[in-house]
Structures are given as structure tokens and as C-alpha cells.
Amino acid sequence: MKTLGIIDIGSNSIKLIIVEIDNSSYNEIFHKKFQTRLSDFVGSENKKLSHEGMKSLFDIIFTFKKFCDDYNCDEIIAVGTESLREMKNSSDIINYIAIYLDVHIKLLSPDEECYFGYISSIPQNLKDYVHLDIGGGSVEIGLVKDKRLIESISIPMGTLKITNKFHIKDGISNNEKCHIQEYIFEKLNNISWIYKCKNLPAVIIGGSIKTIGRIHQKESNIVSNIHGYELLYEDIESLLEKIRNMSLEEIICTTGISKSRGDILLGALLILNSLILYLQSSKIIISKYTIREGIINDYIKHNE
């Protein structure tokens, strides 16, 4: 049996899970999350993480390293995604943390990020589908045929980026909604194989889709596991129209979600609404798993 720590450095939060691996299975024994938006500490001009942002990241990794030591982890796998990829000083940050904390962060390529999301949870009852990972900094799109990931791409238009780019924290007009939708459609039009994704079910991972699913469950008085929960395009459109003109305070009060999720909910809904409308997805299936579980599955596969 081995004990493995996985640190996932994202745009919206930094997460740790610790698992015990026994042959081809694993059991989660600890998890911790810090809602630290690294993208807020990146200079708009120089694209570098500020000193304050570096201190915050260092302190969190220091804390996570201590947790891993307390649980006697045999190995720590730390990965960075879009938030680190776009920083001009990411290599300096990674080297500094490696020297002083002995934690070696691997900067995932867009293809790797999509792959780990895909293998985190391959549905038993689906052969062909679109894999979507809606994060804070980017959206990963993967085309799965006969349960194999055959195409993938990462687009830097995550929930935080869309929210900040279009200043949509406190509601938008119908014209603004259409403008944002056109912006997202334009990004999708540039993908040469995107037409192959149309009319397929969409399996979606990420914190935002789980939040949206739980809001729908609450409104519909449904008590169900969020993993495998299904939505239709009409459900997303209805929720988007309901909160489109709300302030942040009204969104939090109405949905009961936290402020850290509430201020990007509209951005998340706009991305999801646009993706599903463009792809004409037959249904939306929520997966509770993330790239962290994908990394564990990949680790098991290569260490059997």
C-alpha cells in the first residue's frame, strides 16, 4: 500500500487530496481546499504573479506539504494548470518552491490537463461523448469516440476570465449576453474538429458545474448524488435567465451558494449555456471527479 498526495493548483482554488493506493484501487483519506484566486495577483501588463501572490501560493504549498508529511505520504504529485501556464514567472515560482519546500510542480500542458480530466471518470454507459472541463482559467474540450479520447483542446476562457473580461459580476443585459455568446462561438468556430462533437452527450467536470447541478437539485427538491446527475439545455437557460439581472448579493441569497462561487456563477452559466447551445448536446451529465482523480488513475495504471 502507498500513500499519495495530489496538489492541484488552479485559477480559482488550490486543492490537496491524500489517498491510500492498494493494488488497482484507492481510498481518499484527507482533502483540503483554499479558495485563493491566483489570477487576481497576476499583473495585467507584465503577466507575472505578484510578490503577494507568490507568498500566498508558497504558504499554501507549505501547509499542504505538512499535511502530506503528517500522513506519511510516499510521494507528492503537484500540478499547475492554466493559471500557472499563463504566468511569465512560472518557472521562477516552480524552482523556488522546489528548492525551499522540496515540492516539484509539474506544469501540465493543455493536452495533459484534458487527458487527466477524461480518465478521471469514463462513463460505463457511454461510448461517444464530449468531455468538458470548465475551470476558472480555461475550458478543456475533448472528443471521445468508443471510450477513447481522440481530440482535445484547451481554450483560455474559464469562468474567472469571462467574468473579469466582460465585467459581469452584477448582472448583464440581453445584448451583453448575446455579445458574450458570440465571443465564445467565435472561439469554438476556430476548432477544426468541433463539428464532430455536435449532438453528443456532454460529460462535464469542474467546481462550477457541480454548483449549478446542486442549485438545480435544490430548486427541484431533488435529493440525489451529484455524480451522474443529468441536466438539459433548458435547465441551464432557465437558471441563466433567472439570475441574469441579479446583483451578487441577490444571487447568494437566492441560491444559497458561497460568495466565492456566487461571483462567477453568471460567468459559468454563460459559458455552459453557450457550449451546450453551440454543440447541440443531447444531455448534460455531471461528473464529481477532477484531474486529481485522473492523475491517481494514471499513477495506478503505470505502477501496477
Protein backbone atom coordinates (compact mmCIF):
# COMPACT_ATOMS: atom_id res chain seq x y z
CA MET A 1 0.00 0.00 0.00
CA LYS A 2 1.21 3.51 -0.89
CA THR A 3 0.05 6.90 0.34
CA LEU A 4 -0.09 9.58 -2.34
CA GLY A 5 -0.66 13.34 -2.05
CA ILE A 6 -2.07 15.24 -5.06
CA ILE A 7 -1.83 19.05 -5.15
CA ASP A 8 -3.83 20.79 -7.86
CA ILE A 9 -3.01 24.47 -8.43
CA GLY A 10 -5.89 26.05 -10.33
CA SER A 11 -7.06 29.56 -11.18
CA ASN A 12 -9.86 29.64 -8.62
CA SER A 13 -8.52 27.39 -5.86
CA ILE A 14 -5.66 25.17 -4.73
CA LYS A 15 -6.61 21.70 -3.58
CA LEU A 16 -5.00 18.73 -1.88
CA ILE A 17 -6.22 15.16 -1.66
CA ILE A 18 -4.37 12.33 0.05
CA VAL A 19 -5.19 8.77 -0.94
CA GLU A 20 -4.12 5.27 0.01
CA ILE A 21 -3.47 3.10 -3.03
CA ASP A 22 -3.89 -0.65 -2.72
CA ASN A 23 -3.22 -2.51 -5.97
CA SER A 24 -5.66 -1.06 -8.53
CA SER A 25 -7.94 0.81 -6.12
CA TYR A 26 -7.60 3.86 -3.90
CA ASN A 27 -9.27 5.39 -0.87
CA GLU A 28 -9.33 9.11 -0.11
CA ILE A 29 -8.26 9.76 3.49
CA PHE A 30 -7.89 13.55 3.53
CA HIS A 31 -8.73 16.62 1.47
CA LYS A 32 -8.28 20.36 1.85
CA LYS A 33 -9.04 23.37 -0.34
CA PHE A 34 -8.03 27.03 -0.27
CA GLN A 35 -10.13 29.42 -2.36
CA THR A 36 -7.15 31.51 -3.49
CA ARG A 37 -7.57 33.18 -6.87
CA LEU A 38 -4.04 33.36 -8.17
CA SER A 39 -5.25 35.13 -11.32
CA ASP A 40 -6.17 38.14 -9.16
CA PHE A 41 -2.47 38.52 -8.30
CA VAL A 42 -1.24 38.46 -11.91
CA GLY A 43 -0.27 41.82 -13.41
CA SER A 44 -2.36 42.82 -16.41
CA GLU A 45 0.68 44.21 -18.20
CA ASN A 46 3.64 42.00 -17.24
CA LYS A 47 1.60 38.79 -16.70
CA LYS A 48 3.69 37.98 -13.61
CA LEU A 49 2.48 36.72 -10.26
CA SER A 50 2.97 39.47 -7.69
CA HIS A 51 5.01 39.12 -4.50
CA GLU A 52 1.77 38.90 -2.52
CA GLY A 53 0.51 36.14 -4.80
CA MET A 54 3.79 34.24 -4.53
CA LYS A 55 3.64 34.43 -0.73
CA SER A 56 0.06 33.13 -0.72
CA LEU A 57 0.98 30.23 -3.02
CA PHE A 58 4.12 29.41 -1.00
CA ASP A 59 2.20 29.42 2.29
CA ILE A 60 -0.48 27.08 0.92
CA ILE A 61 2.05 24.63 -0.54
CA PHE A 62 3.94 24.75 2.78
CA THR A 63 0.70 23.85 4.61
CA PHE A 64 -0.12 21.08 2.14
CA LYS A 65 3.41 19.67 2.43
CA LYS A 66 2.95 19.49 6.20
CA PHE A 67 -0.33 17.61 5.79
CA CYS A 68 1.41 15.16 3.43
CA ASP A 69 4.22 14.68 5.95
CA ASP A 70 1.70 14.12 8.76
CA TYR A 71 0.06 11.36 6.69
CA ASN A 72 3.46 9.87 5.75
CA CYS A 73 2.91 10.28 2.02
CA ASP A 74 5.28 8.17 -0.04
CA GLU A 75 5.03 10.65 -2.89
CA ILE A 76 3.60 14.09 -3.66
CA ILE A 77 2.39 14.93 -7.16
CA ALA A 78 1.82 18.65 -7.63
CA VAL A 79 0.44 20.06 -10.88
CA GLY A 80 -0.28 23.52 -12.25
CA THR A 81 -2.88 24.34 -14.90
CA GLU A 82 -3.89 27.44 -16.87
CA SER A 83 -3.27 29.91 -14.03
CA LEU A 84 0.40 28.92 -13.87
CA ARG A 85 0.76 28.34 -17.61
CA GLU A 86 -0.01 31.98 -18.38
CA MET A 87 2.36 33.47 -15.78
CA LYS A 88 5.60 34.84 -17.22
CA ASN A 89 7.46 33.99 -13.99
CA SER A 90 6.02 30.49 -13.52
CA SER A 91 9.42 28.78 -13.91
CA ASP A 92 10.89 31.00 -11.16
CA ILE A 93 7.96 30.17 -8.88
CA ILE A 94 8.25 26.43 -9.55
CA ASN A 95 12.01 26.45 -8.95
CA TYR A 96 11.67 28.43 -5.71
CA ILE A 97 9.09 26.03 -4.30
CA ALA A 98 11.20 23.03 -5.34
CA ILE A 99 14.28 24.41 -3.57
CA TYR A 100 12.65 25.55 -0.33
CA LEU A 101 9.80 23.07 0.08
CA ASP A 102 11.01 20.07 -1.93
CA VAL A 103 7.69 20.01 -3.77
CA HIS A 104 8.15 19.66 -7.52
CA ILE A 105 5.30 21.21 -9.51
CA LYS A 106 4.66 19.85 -12.98
CA LEU A 107 3.17 22.39 -15.35
CA LEU A 108 0.55 20.43 -17.27
CA SER A 109 0.21 21.03 -20.99
CA PRO A 110 -3.34 21.70 -22.25
CA ASP A 111 -3.46 18.18 -23.72
CA GLU A 112 -2.34 16.64 -20.42
CA GLU A 113 -4.92 18.61 -18.50
CA CYS A 114 -7.68 17.40 -20.81
CA TYR A 115 -6.40 13.80 -20.68
CA PHE A 116 -6.36 13.67 -16.87
CA GLY A 117 -9.87 15.10 -16.78
CA TYR A 118 -11.03 12.49 -19.29
CA ILE A 119 -9.59 9.49 -17.42
CA SER A 120 -10.89 10.77 -14.07
CA SER A 121 -14.26 9.21 -14.86
CA ILE A 122 -15.14 7.36 -18.05
CA PRO A 123 -18.91 6.63 -18.00
CA GLN A 124 -19.80 2.96 -18.21
CA ASN A 125 -22.87 3.51 -20.37
CA LEU A 126 -21.44 5.95 -22.93
CA LYS A 127 -19.13 5.20 -25.84
CA ASP A 128 -19.25 8.53 -27.68
CA TYR A 129 -19.45 11.87 -25.87
CA VAL A 130 -17.87 15.29 -25.40
CA HIS A 131 -15.70 15.79 -22.33
CA LEU A 132 -15.83 19.34 -20.94
CA ASP A 133 -13.78 20.71 -18.05
CA ILE A 134 -14.97 24.19 -17.08
CA GLY A 135 -12.33 25.77 -14.86
CA GLY A 136 -11.52 29.24 -13.68
CA GLY A 137 -8.87 29.96 -16.30
CA SER A 138 -9.74 27.67 -19.17
CA VAL A 139 -12.19 25.26 -20.74
CA GLU A 140 -10.93 21.89 -21.94
CA ILE A 141 -12.87 20.18 -24.70
CA GLY A 142 -12.29 16.56 -25.61
CA LEU A 143 -13.95 14.35 -28.21
CA VAL A 144 -14.39 10.77 -27.01
CA LYS A 145 -15.19 8.02 -29.51
CA ASP A 146 -15.60 4.40 -28.45
CA LYS A 147 -14.42 5.49 -24.96
CA ARG A 148 -11.13 6.83 -26.40
CA LEU A 149 -10.08 10.49 -26.27
CA ILE A 150 -9.26 11.25 -29.90
CA GLU A 151 -9.21 15.07 -29.94
CA SER A 152 -8.59 17.68 -27.25
CA ILE A 153 -8.04 21.39 -26.87
CA SER A 154 -7.80 23.98 -24.10
CA ILE A 155 -9.33 27.43 -24.57
CA PRO A 156 -8.40 30.25 -22.13
CA MET A 157 -11.99 31.34 -21.45
CA GLY A 158 -12.73 29.96 -17.97
CA THR A 159 -15.28 31.34 -15.52
CA LEU A 160 -12.91 33.87 -13.94
CA LYS A 161 -11.64 35.11 -17.29
CA ILE A 162 -15.10 35.57 -18.77
CA THR A 163 -16.34 37.25 -15.57
CA ASN A 164 -13.43 39.69 -15.47
CA LYS A 165 -13.26 40.33 -19.22
CA PHE A 166 -16.92 41.30 -19.54
CA HIS A 167 -17.42 42.72 -16.00
CA ILE A 168 -20.48 40.57 -15.34
CA LYS A 169 -20.47 40.16 -11.56
CA ASP A 170 -23.65 42.20 -11.09
CA GLY A 171 -25.86 41.21 -13.98
CA ILE A 172 -25.96 41.67 -17.75
CA SER A 173 -28.45 42.83 -20.36
CA ASN A 174 -29.76 40.60 -23.13
CA ASN A 175 -27.49 42.41 -25.62
CA GLU A 176 -24.48 41.73 -23.41
CA LYS A 177 -25.48 38.08 -23.15
CA CYS A 178 -25.60 37.83 -26.94
CA HIS A 179 -22.24 39.59 -27.25
CA ILE A 180 -20.56 37.17 -24.84
CA GLN A 181 -22.19 34.24 -26.60
CA GLU A 182 -20.82 35.43 -29.93
CA TYR A 183 -17.35 35.74 -28.39
CA ILE A 184 -17.49 32.12 -27.18
CA PHE A 185 -18.92 30.89 -30.50
CA GLU A 186 -16.03 32.56 -32.32
CA LYS A 187 -13.55 30.64 -30.15
CA LEU A 188 -15.35 27.38 -30.93
CA ASN A 189 -15.51 28.12 -34.66
CA ASN A 190 -11.71 28.04 -34.75
CA ILE A 191 -11.61 24.36 -33.73
CA SER A 192 -11.30 22.31 -36.93
CA TRP A 193 -12.90 19.16 -35.47
CA ILE A 194 -15.62 20.77 -33.36
CA TYR A 195 -18.38 19.71 -35.79
CA LYS A 196 -17.72 16.09 -34.75
CA CYS A 197 -18.82 17.00 -31.21
CA LYS A 198 -22.31 18.07 -32.16
CA ASN A 199 -25.42 16.24 -30.91
CA LEU A 200 -23.42 14.13 -28.45
CA PRO A 201 -23.94 13.91 -24.67
CA ALA A 202 -21.63 16.21 -22.69
CA VAL A 203 -19.83 14.86 -19.61
CA ILE A 204 -18.72 17.87 -17.57
CA ILE A 205 -16.28 18.25 -14.67
CA GLY A 206 -15.28 21.23 -12.54
CA GLY A 207 -16.48 23.07 -9.47
CA SER A 208 -18.88 25.33 -11.37
CA ILE A 209 -20.91 22.52 -12.96
CA LYS A 210 -21.31 20.85 -9.57
CA THR A 211 -22.54 24.16 -8.12
CA ILE A 212 -25.04 24.55 -10.97
CA GLY A 213 -26.21 20.97 -10.50
CA ARG A 214 -26.78 21.45 -6.77
CA ILE A 215 -28.75 24.66 -7.39
CA HIS A 216 -30.99 22.76 -9.83
CA GLN A 217 -31.45 19.93 -7.33
CA LYS A 218 -32.42 22.42 -4.61
CA GLU A 219 -34.91 24.23 -6.85
CA SER A 220 -36.43 20.92 -7.99
CA ASN A 221 -36.50 19.40 -4.47
CA ILE A 222 -34.36 16.52 -5.69
CA VAL A 223 -32.16 14.61 -3.27
CA SER A 224 -29.57 12.83 -5.38
CA ASN A 225 -25.87 12.20 -5.70
CA ILE A 226 -24.37 14.96 -7.84
CA HIS A 227 -22.21 12.42 -9.69
CA GLY A 228 -24.10 11.29 -12.77
CA TYR A 229 -26.81 13.93 -12.30
CA GLU A 230 -28.29 14.97 -15.64
CA LEU A 231 -29.40 18.36 -16.92
CA LEU A 232 -30.89 19.63 -20.16
CA TYR A 233 -30.12 22.82 -22.07
CA GLU A 234 -33.48 24.22 -20.94
CA ASP A 235 -32.40 23.87 -17.30
CA ILE A 236 -29.27 25.96 -17.91
CA GLU A 237 -31.14 28.59 -19.94
CA SER A 238 -33.82 28.88 -17.26
CA LEU A 239 -31.28 29.38 -14.43
CA LEU A 240 -29.30 31.87 -16.53
CA GLU A 241 -32.38 33.96 -17.24
CA LYS A 242 -33.38 33.81 -13.58
CA ILE A 243 -30.12 35.29 -12.25
CA ARG A 244 -29.07 37.36 -15.28
CA ASN A 245 -30.25 40.64 -13.76
CA MET A 246 -29.42 39.86 -10.13
CA SER A 247 -26.74 41.52 -8.05
CA LEU A 248 -24.10 39.35 -6.36
CA GLU A 249 -25.95 39.70 -3.03
CA GLU A 250 -29.20 38.57 -4.63
CA ILE A 251 -27.51 35.57 -6.27
CA ILE A 252 -26.02 34.45 -2.96
CA CYS A 253 -29.32 34.95 -1.13
CA THR A 254 -31.39 33.18 -3.80
CA THR A 255 -29.13 30.18 -4.43
CA GLY A 256 -27.51 29.79 -1.01
CA ILE A 257 -24.03 29.38 -2.51
CA SER A 258 -20.84 30.98 -1.18
CA LYS A 259 -19.58 34.37 -2.33
CA SER A 260 -16.52 32.74 -3.94
CA ARG A 261 -18.87 30.73 -6.17
CA GLY A 262 -21.58 33.36 -6.44
CA ASP A 263 -19.44 35.97 -8.15
CA ILE A 264 -18.53 33.60 -11.01
CA LEU A 265 -21.88 31.78 -11.30
CA LEU A 266 -23.14 34.03 -14.08
CA GLY A 267 -19.89 33.61 -16.00
CA ALA A 268 -20.09 29.83 -15.56
CA LEU A 269 -23.69 29.74 -16.78
CA LEU A 270 -22.85 31.87 -19.82
CA ILE A 271 -20.01 29.51 -20.78
CA LEU A 272 -22.08 26.39 -20.20
CA ASN A 273 -25.13 27.81 -21.97
CA SER A 274 -23.04 28.83 -24.99
CA LEU A 275 -21.19 25.50 -25.18
CA ILE A 276 -24.33 23.37 -24.96
CA LEU A 277 -26.22 25.57 -27.45
CA TYR A 278 -23.32 25.50 -29.93
CA LEU A 279 -22.74 21.75 -29.60
CA GLN A 280 -26.47 20.94 -29.51
CA SER A 281 -25.65 18.45 -26.75
CA SER A 282 -28.37 15.85 -26.22
CA LYS A 283 -27.88 15.98 -22.43
CA ILE A 284 -25.51 17.20 -19.74
CA ILE A 285 -24.00 14.66 -17.34
CA ILE A 286 -22.17 15.92 -14.25
CA SER A 287 -19.07 14.10 -13.02
CA LYS A 288 -17.88 14.76 -9.48
CA TYR A 289 -14.33 13.74 -10.41
CA THR A 290 -11.50 16.06 -11.44
CA ILE A 291 -8.00 15.94 -12.86
CA ARG A 292 -6.83 14.87 -9.40
CA GLU A 293 -8.67 11.55 -9.73
CA GLY A 294 -7.35 11.33 -13.28
CA ILE A 295 -3.79 11.68 -12.02
CA ILE A 296 -4.41 8.93 -9.47
CA ASN A 297 -5.88 6.61 -12.13
CA ASP A 298 -2.91 7.29 -14.39
CA TYR A 299 -0.50 6.65 -11.48
CA ILE A 300 -2.15 3.30 -10.73
CA LYS A 301 -2.08 2.34 -14.41
CA HIS A 302 1.67 2.95 -14.65
CA ASN A 303 2.59 1.39 -11.30
CA GLU A 304 0.61 -1.84 -11.36
